[in-house]
Amino acid sequence: MDNVIINPMKNFDFKREPKWLNDEFVRKMILDIDNAKVIQDEFIMNNEGRAITPFHLPRTLKKSKLPKEEHNM
């Protein structure tokens, strides 16, 4: 069970890499799900024009959000 992720949200919060958020697929998911725009790395602007961190992304996004390489896309 070494390759099993028990808590995807914690895994995302503590093991993410800033470059993950620069991927166009990921940026589109964040825009579609949270209506927020990734400016660069972990700098994200919400729909009210306020900066948010990846910690503020919704749970559904964190559960589905891994680099494309891990999704084999």
Protein backbone atom coordinates (compact mmCIF):
# COMPACT_ATOMS: atom_id res chain seq x y z
CA MET A 1 0.00 0.00 0.00
CA ASP A 2 2.94 2.35 -0.50
CA ASN A 3 1.40 3.94 -3.60
CA VAL A 4 -2.05 4.58 -2.11
CA ILE A 5 -3.16 8.13 -1.37
CA ILE A 6 -5.41 8.02 1.69
CA ASN A 7 -6.27 11.73 1.84
CA PRO A 8 -6.04 13.41 -1.60
CA MET A 9 -6.68 16.90 -0.21
CA LYS A 10 -3.79 16.71 2.26
CA ASN A 11 -1.61 15.17 -0.40
CA PHE A 12 -2.36 18.09 -2.72
CA ASP A 13 -1.86 20.71 0.01
CA PHE A 14 1.51 19.42 1.15
CA LYS A 15 3.06 17.75 -1.90
CA ARG A 16 1.99 20.01 -4.75
CA GLU A 17 4.55 21.74 -6.89
CA PRO A 18 3.97 25.34 -8.06
CA LYS A 19 4.61 24.30 -11.66
CA TRP A 20 1.52 22.05 -11.60
CA LEU A 21 -0.69 25.13 -11.66
CA ASN A 22 1.02 26.49 -14.79
CA ASP A 23 -0.28 23.62 -16.94
CA GLU A 24 -3.03 24.77 -19.35
CA PHE A 25 -5.24 21.77 -18.50
CA VAL A 26 -5.01 22.58 -14.79
CA ARG A 27 -5.62 26.30 -15.38
CA LYS A 28 -8.78 25.45 -17.31
CA MET A 29 -10.00 23.16 -14.51
CA ILE A 30 -9.45 25.90 -11.92
CA LEU A 31 -11.25 28.44 -14.10
CA ASP A 32 -14.16 26.07 -14.80
CA ILE A 33 -14.60 24.76 -11.25
CA ASP A 34 -13.67 27.74 -9.07
CA ASN A 35 -14.06 30.63 -11.54
CA ALA A 36 -10.52 31.68 -10.60
CA LYS A 37 -7.59 32.47 -12.86
CA VAL A 38 -4.06 31.18 -12.29
CA ILE A 39 -1.73 34.11 -12.95
CA GLN A 40 1.54 32.26 -12.36
CA ASP A 41 2.65 29.38 -10.15
CA GLU A 42 0.58 29.64 -6.94
CA PHE A 43 -0.72 33.16 -7.58
CA ILE A 44 -4.45 32.72 -8.23
CA MET A 45 -7.04 35.47 -8.66
CA ASN A 46 -10.66 34.71 -7.72
CA ASN A 47 -13.71 36.10 -9.52
CA GLU A 48 -13.83 39.07 -7.09
CA GLY A 49 -10.30 40.14 -8.04
CA ARG A 50 -8.76 38.90 -4.80
CA ALA A 51 -5.68 36.74 -4.57
CA ILE A 52 -6.21 33.23 -3.20
CA THR A 53 -3.81 30.40 -2.45
CA PRO A 54 -4.06 26.77 -3.57
CA PHE A 55 -5.31 25.99 -0.03
CA HIS A 56 -8.51 27.86 -0.98
CA LEU A 57 -9.25 25.70 -4.02
CA PRO A 58 -12.37 23.54 -3.70
CA ARG A 59 -12.18 20.00 -2.42
CA THR A 60 -13.44 18.52 -5.70
CA LEU A 61 -10.60 20.15 -7.58
CA LYS A 62 -7.99 18.95 -5.09
CA LYS A 63 -9.30 15.40 -5.34
CA SER A 64 -9.16 15.38 -9.11
CA LYS A 65 -6.13 17.60 -9.51
CA LEU A 66 -2.85 15.93 -10.17
CA PRO A 67 -0.31 16.67 -12.88
CA LYS A 68 -1.35 15.38 -16.29
CA GLU A 69 1.50 12.87 -16.24
CA GLU A 70 -0.11 11.12 -13.27
CA HIS A 71 -3.45 10.99 -15.13
CA ASN A 72 -1.72 9.54 -18.22
CA MET A 73 -3.27 12.23 -20.39
